[in-house]
PDB file of N, CA and C in Angstrom:
ATOM      1  N   MET A   1      88.992  84.685 -34.364  1.00  0.00           N
ATOM      2  CA  MET A   1      88.024  83.864 -33.650  1.00  0.00           C
ATOM      3  C   MET A   1      87.839  84.453 -32.246  1.00  0.00           C
ATOM      4  N   ASN A   2      86.609  84.535 -31.822  1.00  0.00           N
ATOM      5  CA  ASN A   2      86.375  85.099 -30.495  1.00  0.00           C
ATOM      6  C   ASN A   2      86.658  84.058 -29.409  1.00  0.00           C
ATOM      7  N   PRO A   3      86.908  84.512 -28.182  1.00  0.00           N
ATOM      8  CA  PRO A   3      87.286  83.589 -27.099  1.00  0.00           C
ATOM      9  C   PRO A   3      86.265  82.481 -26.846  1.00  0.00           C
ATOM     10  N   GLN A   4      84.978  82.799 -26.977  1.00  0.00           N
ATOM     11  CA  GLN A   4      83.937  81.791 -26.735  1.00  0.00           C
ATOM     12  C   GLN A   4      84.032  80.663 -27.758  1.00  0.00           C
ATOM     13  N   LYS A   5      84.220  81.020 -29.032  1.00  0.00           N
ATOM     14  CA  LYS A   5      84.334  79.995 -30.082  1.00  0.00           C
ATOM     15  C   LYS A   5      85.631  79.213 -29.942  1.00  0.00           C
ATOM     16  N   THR A   6      86.700  79.910 -29.554  1.00  0.00           N
ATOM     17  CA  THR A   6      87.976  79.217 -29.335  1.00  0.00           C
ATOM     18  C   THR A   6      87.832  78.219 -28.198  1.00  0.00           C
ATOM     19  N   PHE A   7      87.197  78.637 -27.108  1.00  0.00           N
ATOM     20  CA  PHE A   7      86.972  77.735 -25.981  1.00  0.00           C
ATOM     21  C   PHE A   7      86.179  76.516 -26.431  1.00  0.00           C
ATOM     22  N   HIS A   8      85.108  76.739 -27.184  1.00  0.00           N
ATOM     23  CA  HIS A   8      84.252  75.640 -27.627  1.00  0.00           C
ATOM     24  C   HIS A   8      85.027  74.667 -28.528  1.00  0.00           C
ATOM     25  N   LEU A   9      85.872  75.185 -29.403  1.00  0.00           N
ATOM     26  CA  LEU A   9      86.671  74.331 -30.286  1.00  0.00           C
ATOM     27  C   LEU A   9      87.683  73.510 -29.483  1.00  0.00           C
ATOM     28  N   VAL A  10      88.390  74.158 -28.567  1.00  0.00           N
ATOM     29  CA  VAL A  10      89.384  73.450 -27.745  1.00  0.00           C
ATOM     30  C   VAL A  10      88.691  72.450 -26.824  1.00  0.00           C
ATOM     31  N   PHE A  11      87.560  72.847 -26.236  1.00  0.00           N
ATOM     32  CA  PHE A  11      86.790  71.930 -25.391  1.00  0.00           C
ATOM     33  C   PHE A  11      86.390  70.687 -26.185  1.00  0.00           C
ATOM     34  N   SER A  12      85.915  70.873 -27.407  1.00  0.00           N
ATOM     35  CA  SER A  12      85.496  69.745 -28.240  1.00  0.00           C
ATOM     36  C   SER A  12      86.668  68.808 -28.517  1.00  0.00           C
ATOM     37  N   ALA A  13      87.834  69.377 -28.812  1.00  0.00           N
ATOM     38  CA  ALA A  13      89.020  68.557 -29.097  1.00  0.00           C
ATOM     39  C   ALA A  13      89.462  67.776 -27.860  1.00  0.00           C
ATOM     40  N   VAL A  14      89.489  68.446 -26.703  1.00  0.00           N
ATOM     41  CA  VAL A  14      89.929  67.790 -25.459  1.00  0.00           C
ATOM     42  C   VAL A  14      88.907  66.753 -25.002  1.00  0.00           C
ATOM     43  N   MET A  15      87.638  67.128 -24.977  1.00  0.00           N
ATOM     44  CA  MET A  15      86.592  66.188 -24.566  1.00  0.00           C
ATOM     45  C   MET A  15      86.564  64.997 -25.511  1.00  0.00           C
ATOM     46  N   GLY A  16      86.722  65.261 -26.802  1.00  0.00           N
ATOM     47  CA  GLY A  16      86.770  64.173 -27.780  1.00  0.00           C
ATOM     48  C   GLY A  16      87.916  63.225 -27.497  1.00  0.00           C
ATOM     49  N   ALA A  17      89.097  63.768 -27.248  1.00  0.00           N
ATOM     50  CA  ALA A  17      90.259  62.918 -26.980  1.00  0.00           C
ATOM     51  C   ALA A  17      90.051  62.054 -25.744  1.00  0.00           C
ATOM     52  N   LEU A  18      89.532  62.654 -24.679  1.00  0.00           N
ATOM     53  CA  LEU A  18      89.331  61.904 -23.442  1.00  0.00           C
ATOM     54  C   LEU A  18      88.260  60.822 -23.590  1.00  0.00           C
ATOM     55  N   MET A  19      87.111  61.221 -24.080  1.00  0.00           N
ATOM     56  CA  MET A  19      85.985  60.285 -24.178  1.00  0.00           C
ATOM     57  C   MET A  19      86.253  59.196 -25.220  1.00  0.00           C
ATOM     58  N   ILE A  20      86.740  59.599 -26.361  1.00  0.00           N
ATOM     59  CA  ILE A  20      86.961  58.639 -27.441  1.00  0.00           C
ATOM     60  C   ILE A  20      88.086  57.674 -27.101  1.00  0.00           C
ATOM     61  N   SER A  21      89.142  58.160 -26.442  1.00  0.00           N
ATOM     62  CA  SER A  21      90.227  57.238 -26.082  1.00  0.00           C
ATOM     63  C   SER A  21      89.732  56.171 -25.114  1.00  0.00           C
ATOM     64  N   LEU A  22      88.959  56.583 -24.116  1.00  0.00           N
ATOM     65  CA  LEU A  22      88.440  55.613 -23.151  1.00  0.00           C
ATOM     66  C   LEU A  22      87.478  54.628 -23.807  1.00  0.00           C
ATOM     67  N   MET A  23      86.547  55.143 -24.588  1.00  0.00           N
ATOM     68  CA  MET A  23      85.539  54.271 -25.197  1.00  0.00           C
ATOM     69  C   MET A  23      86.154  53.306 -26.218  1.00  0.00           C
ATOM     70  N   THR A  24      87.060  53.792 -27.061  1.00  0.00           N
ATOM     71  CA  THR A  24      87.671  52.888 -28.038  1.00  0.00           C
ATOM     72  C   THR A  24      88.578  51.864 -27.358  1.00  0.00           C
ATOM     73  N   LEU A  25      89.225  52.263 -26.258  1.00  0.00           N
ATOM     74  CA  LEU A  25      90.047  51.314 -25.506  1.00  0.00           C
ATOM     75  C   LEU A  25      89.186  50.174 -24.969  1.00  0.00           C
ATOM     76  N   VAL A  26      88.073  50.527 -24.340  1.00  0.00           N
ATOM     77  CA  VAL A  26      87.183  49.517 -23.765  1.00  0.00           C
ATOM     78  C   VAL A  26      86.581  48.630 -24.849  1.00  0.00           C
ATOM     79  N   ILE A  27      86.048  49.226 -25.897  1.00  0.00           N
ATOM     80  CA  ILE A  27      85.390  48.447 -26.946  1.00  0.00           C
ATOM     81  C   ILE A  27      86.391  47.576 -27.703  1.00  0.00           C
ATOM     82  N   THR A  28      87.588  48.090 -27.950  1.00  0.00           N
ATOM     83  CA  THR A  28      88.609  47.263 -28.602  1.00  0.00           C
ATOM     84  C   THR A  28      88.959  46.070 -27.725  1.00  0.00           C
ATOM     85  N   PHE A  29      89.115  46.304 -26.423  1.00  0.00           N
ATOM     86  CA  PHE A  29      89.422  45.209 -25.497  1.00  0.00           C
ATOM     87  C   PHE A  29      88.290  44.176 -25.466  1.00  0.00           C
ATOM     88  N   VAL A  30      87.059  44.640 -25.417  1.00  0.00           N
ATOM     89  CA  VAL A  30      85.904  43.730 -25.392  1.00  0.00           C
ATOM     90  C   VAL A  30      85.847  42.905 -26.682  1.00  0.00           C
ATOM     91  N   ASN A  31      86.117  43.542 -27.812  1.00  0.00           N
ATOM     92  CA  ASN A  31      85.991  42.851 -29.096  1.00  0.00           C
ATOM     93  C   ASN A  31      87.134  41.889 -29.410  1.00  0.00           C
ATOM     94  N   VAL A  32      88.375  42.251 -29.061  1.00  0.00           N
ATOM     95  CA  VAL A  32      89.501  41.403 -29.473  1.00  0.00           C
ATOM     96  C   VAL A  32      90.318  40.864 -28.317  1.00  0.00           C
ATOM     97  N   GLY A  33      90.117  41.385 -27.102  1.00  0.00           N
ATOM     98  CA  GLY A  33      90.927  40.951 -25.975  1.00  0.00           C
ATOM     99  C   GLY A  33      92.310  41.574 -26.038  1.00  0.00           C
ATOM    100  N   LEU A  34      93.164  41.144 -25.164  1.00  0.00           N
ATOM    101  CA  LEU A  34      94.516  41.694 -25.089  1.00  0.00           C
ATOM    102  C   LEU A  34      95.434  40.910 -26.032  1.00  0.00           C
ATOM    103  N   VAL A  35      95.262  41.142 -27.323  1.00  0.00           N
ATOM    104  CA  VAL A  35      96.040  40.446 -28.344  1.00  0.00           C
ATOM    105  C   VAL A  35      97.347  41.188 -28.599  1.00  0.00           C
ATOM    106  N   GLU A  36      98.217  40.545 -29.368  1.00  0.00           N
ATOM    107  CA  GLU A  36      99.547  41.088 -29.630  1.00  0.00           C
ATOM    108  C   GLU A  36      99.501  42.481 -30.282  1.00  0.00           C
ATOM    109  N   ASP A  37      98.598  42.682 -31.214  1.00  0.00           N
ATOM    110  CA  ASP A  37      98.514  43.974 -31.904  1.00  0.00           C
ATOM    111  C   ASP A  37      97.410  44.870 -31.342  1.00  0.00           C
ATOM    112  N   PHE A  38      97.134  44.720 -30.054  1.00  0.00           N
ATOM    113  CA  PHE A  38      96.065  45.484 -29.412  1.00  0.00           C
ATOM    114  C   PHE A  38      96.255  46.994 -29.565  1.00  0.00           C
ATOM    115  N   VAL A  39      97.439  47.491 -29.297  1.00  0.00           N
ATOM    116  CA  VAL A  39      97.682  48.934 -29.343  1.00  0.00           C
ATOM    117  C   VAL A  39      97.435  49.479 -30.752  1.00  0.00           C
ATOM    118  N   GLY A  40      97.889  48.769 -31.757  1.00  0.00           N
ATOM    119  CA  GLY A  40      97.665  49.195 -33.136  1.00  0.00           C
ATOM    120  C   GLY A  40      96.189  49.216 -33.489  1.00  0.00           C
ATOM    121  N   ARG A  41      95.468  48.194 -33.076  1.00  0.00           N
ATOM    122  CA  ARG A  41      94.018  48.146 -33.327  1.00  0.00           C
ATOM    123  C   ARG A  41      93.304  49.280 -32.598  1.00  0.00           C
ATOM    124  N   TRP A  42      93.714  49.507 -31.338  1.00  0.00           N
ATOM    125  CA  TRP A  42      93.088  50.574 -30.567  1.00  0.00           C
ATOM    126  C   TRP A  42      93.375  51.943 -31.179  1.00  0.00           C
ATOM    127  N   LEU A  43      94.623  52.189 -31.588  1.00  0.00           N
ATOM    128  CA  LEU A  43      94.957  53.477 -32.193  1.00  0.00           C
ATOM    129  C   LEU A  43      94.191  53.711 -33.491  1.00  0.00           C
ATOM    130  N   ARG A  44      94.019  52.667 -34.271  1.00  0.00           N
ATOM    131  CA  ARG A  44      93.250  52.796 -35.519  1.00  0.00           C
ATOM    132  C   ARG A  44      91.798  53.163 -35.198  1.00  0.00           C
ATOM    133  N   ALA A  45      91.217  52.470 -34.239  1.00  0.00           N
ATOM    134  CA  ALA A  45      89.843  52.774 -33.833  1.00  0.00           C
ATOM    135  C   ALA A  45      89.743  54.196 -33.279  1.00  0.00           C
ATOM    136  N   PHE A  46      90.738  54.598 -32.489  1.00  0.00           N
ATOM    137  CA  PHE A  46      90.742  55.935 -31.919  1.00  0.00           C
ATOM    138  C   PHE A  46      90.794  56.999 -33.012  1.00  0.00           C
ATOM    139  N   LEU A  47      91.680  56.839 -33.969  1.00  0.00           N
ATOM    140  CA  LEU A  47      91.820  57.847 -35.025  1.00  0.00           C
ATOM    141  C   LEU A  47      90.545  57.988 -35.847  1.00  0.00           C
ATOM    142  N   ILE A  48      89.936  56.876 -36.189  1.00  0.00           N
ATOM    143  CA  ILE A  48      88.682  56.927 -36.946  1.00  0.00           C
ATOM    144  C   ILE A  48      87.593  57.606 -36.117  1.00  0.00           C
ATOM    145  N   ALA A  49      87.460  57.199 -34.865  1.00  0.00           N
ATOM    146  CA  ALA A  49      86.425  57.763 -33.999  1.00  0.00           C
ATOM    147  C   ALA A  49      86.679  59.243 -33.707  1.00  0.00           C
ATOM    148  N   TYR A  50      87.936  59.637 -33.576  1.00  0.00           N
ATOM    149  CA  TYR A  50      88.263  61.036 -33.282  1.00  0.00           C
ATOM    150  C   TYR A  50      87.868  61.944 -34.441  1.00  0.00           C
ATOM    151  N   VAL A  51      88.157  61.505 -35.654  1.00  0.00           N
ATOM    152  CA  VAL A  51      87.808  62.297 -36.833  1.00  0.00           C
ATOM    153  C   VAL A  51      86.295  62.489 -36.930  1.00  0.00           C
ATOM    154  N   VAL A  52      85.545  61.498 -36.537  1.00  0.00           N
ATOM    155  CA  VAL A  52      84.083  61.591 -36.565  1.00  0.00           C
ATOM    156  C   VAL A  52      83.560  62.282 -35.298  1.00  0.00           C
ATOM    157  N   GLY A  53      84.110  61.932 -34.152  1.00  0.00           N
ATOM    158  CA  GLY A  53      83.561  62.366 -32.873  1.00  0.00           C
ATOM    159  C   GLY A  53      83.738  63.830 -32.535  1.00  0.00           C
ATOM    160  N   VAL A  54      84.876  64.418 -32.854  1.00  0.00           N
ATOM    161  CA  VAL A  54      85.104  65.812 -32.483  1.00  0.00           C
ATOM    162  C   VAL A  54      84.137  66.756 -33.198  1.00  0.00           C
ATOM    163  N   PRO A  55      83.924  66.619 -34.502  1.00  0.00           N
ATOM    164  CA  PRO A  55      82.906  67.477 -35.122  1.00  0.00           C
ATOM    165  C   PRO A  55      81.508  67.257 -34.543  1.00  0.00           C
ATOM    166  N   VAL A  56      81.191  66.012 -34.203  1.00  0.00           N
ATOM    167  CA  VAL A  56      79.887  65.732 -33.599  1.00  0.00           C
ATOM    168  C   VAL A  56      79.770  66.464 -32.261  1.00  0.00           C
ATOM    169  N   ILE A  57      80.803  66.383 -31.431  1.00  0.00           N
ATOM    170  CA  ILE A  57      80.794  67.094 -30.152  1.00  0.00           C
ATOM    171  C   ILE A  57      80.669  68.598 -30.389  1.00  0.00           C
ATOM    172  N   PHE A  58      81.436  69.114 -31.338  1.00  0.00           N
ATOM    173  CA  PHE A  58      81.431  70.550 -31.616  1.00  0.00           C
ATOM    174  C   PHE A  58      80.037  71.047 -31.985  1.00  0.00           C
ATOM    175  N   PHE A  59      79.346  70.305 -32.836  1.00  0.00           N
ATOM    176  CA  PHE A  59      78.047  70.764 -33.319  1.00  0.00           C
ATOM    177  C   PHE A  59      76.875  70.387 -32.400  1.00  0.00           C
ATOM    178  N   LEU A  60      76.989  69.286 -31.658  1.00  0.00           N
ATOM    179  CA  LEU A  60      75.872  68.859 -30.823  1.00  0.00           C
ATOM    180  C   LEU A  60      75.939  69.358 -29.378  1.00  0.00           C
ATOM    181  N   ALA A  61      77.089  69.776 -28.907  1.00  0.00           N
ATOM    182  CA  ALA A  61      77.207  70.246 -27.524  1.00  0.00           C
ATOM    183  C   ALA A  61      76.270  71.417 -27.216  1.00  0.00           C
ATOM    184  N   PRO A  62      76.157  72.413 -28.096  1.00  0.00           N
ATOM    185  CA  PRO A  62      75.213  73.504 -27.780  1.00  0.00           C
ATOM    186  C   PRO A  62      73.771  73.001 -27.650  1.00  0.00           C
ATOM    187  N   MET A  63      73.374  72.078 -28.506  1.00  0.00           N
ATOM    188  CA  MET A  63      72.030  71.523 -28.416  1.00  0.00           C
ATOM    189  C   MET A  63      71.871  70.730 -27.123  1.00  0.00           C
ATOM    190  N   ALA A  64      72.883  69.976 -26.739  1.00  0.00           N
ATOM    191  CA  ALA A  64      72.827  69.203 -25.488  1.00  0.00           C
ATOM    192  C   ALA A  64      72.713  70.135 -24.285  1.00  0.00           C
ATOM    193  N   ARG A  65      73.418  71.278 -24.329  1.00  0.00           N
ATOM    194  CA  ARG A  65      73.315  72.252 -23.232  1.00  0.00           C
ATOM    195  C   ARG A  65      71.899  72.812 -23.127  1.00  0.00           C
ATOM    196  N   LYS A  66      71.291  73.133 -24.272  1.00  0.00           N
ATOM    197  CA  LYS A  66      69.919  73.663 -24.272  1.00  0.00           C
ATOM    198  C   LYS A  66      68.938  72.640 -23.745  1.00  0.00           C
ATOM    199  N   ILE A  67      69.052  71.398 -24.199  1.00  0.00           N
ATOM    200  CA  ILE A  67      68.157  70.345 -23.743  1.00  0.00           C
ATOM    201  C   ILE A  67      68.312  70.135 -22.234  1.00  0.00           C
ATOM    202  N   THR A  68      69.553  70.115 -21.772  1.00  0.00           N
ATOM    203  CA  THR A  68      69.818  69.954 -20.338  1.00  0.00           C
ATOM    204  C   THR A  68      69.210  71.096 -19.539  1.00  0.00           C
ATOM    205  N   GLY A  69      69.367  72.306 -20.039  1.00  0.00           N
ATOM    206  CA  GLY A  69      68.784  73.461 -19.379  1.00  0.00           C
ATOM    207  C   GLY A  69      67.266  73.358 -19.284  1.00  0.00           C
ATOM    208  N   ARG A  70      66.639  72.925 -20.365  1.00  0.00           N
ATOM    209  CA  ARG A  70      65.181  72.759 -20.343  1.00  0.00           C
ATOM    210  C   ARG A  70      64.754  71.669 -19.364  1.00  0.00           C
ATOM    211  N   LEU A  71      65.484  70.554 -19.375  1.00  0.00           N
ATOM    212  CA  LEU A  71      65.140  69.454 -18.470  1.00  0.00           C
ATOM    213  C   LEU A  71      65.251  69.881 -17.005  1.00  0.00           C
ATOM    214  N   LEU A  72      66.189  70.749 -16.733  1.00  0.00           N
ATOM    215  CA  LEU A  72      66.407  71.200 -15.353  1.00  0.00           C
ATOM    216  C   LEU A  72      65.668  72.499 -15.026  1.00  0.00           C
ATOM    217  N   GLY A  73      64.916  73.005 -16.007  1.00  0.00           N
ATOM    218  CA  GLY A  73      64.148  74.226 -15.779  1.00  0.00           C
ATOM    219  C   GLY A  73      64.997  75.468 -15.597  1.00  0.00           C
ATOM    220  N   MET A  74      66.137  75.505 -16.267  1.00  0.00           N
ATOM    221  CA  MET A  74      67.017  76.657 -16.160  1.00  0.00           C
ATOM    222  C   MET A  74      66.758  77.609 -17.321  1.00  0.00           C
ATOM    223  N   PRO A  75      66.918  78.904 -17.077  1.00  0.00           N
ATOM    224  CA  PRO A  75      66.707  79.867 -18.165  1.00  0.00           C
ATOM    225  C   PRO A  75      67.766  79.731 -19.240  1.00  0.00           C
ATOM    226  N   ALA A  76      67.390  80.024 -20.467  1.00  0.00           N
ATOM    227  CA  ALA A  76      68.336  79.915 -21.599  1.00  0.00           C
ATOM    228  C   ALA A  76      69.348  81.029 -21.592  1.00  0.00           C
TER     229      ALA A  76
END
């Protein structure tokens, strides 16, 4: 694997972990409150979202970069 692809894969995994952990924490709290099994519910939501979210980040990030570049008038 070339360094650029390795970077993109690791970036997707790290960004996924950070974003998904925060979002699932907030949404779990909003939906159920601070209940006794909160951590278990949050971890379940995190694992499901991580499995879905990281591939989405991996495949959509290049498109998001291109769209952002166009919106800002930057060369490709």
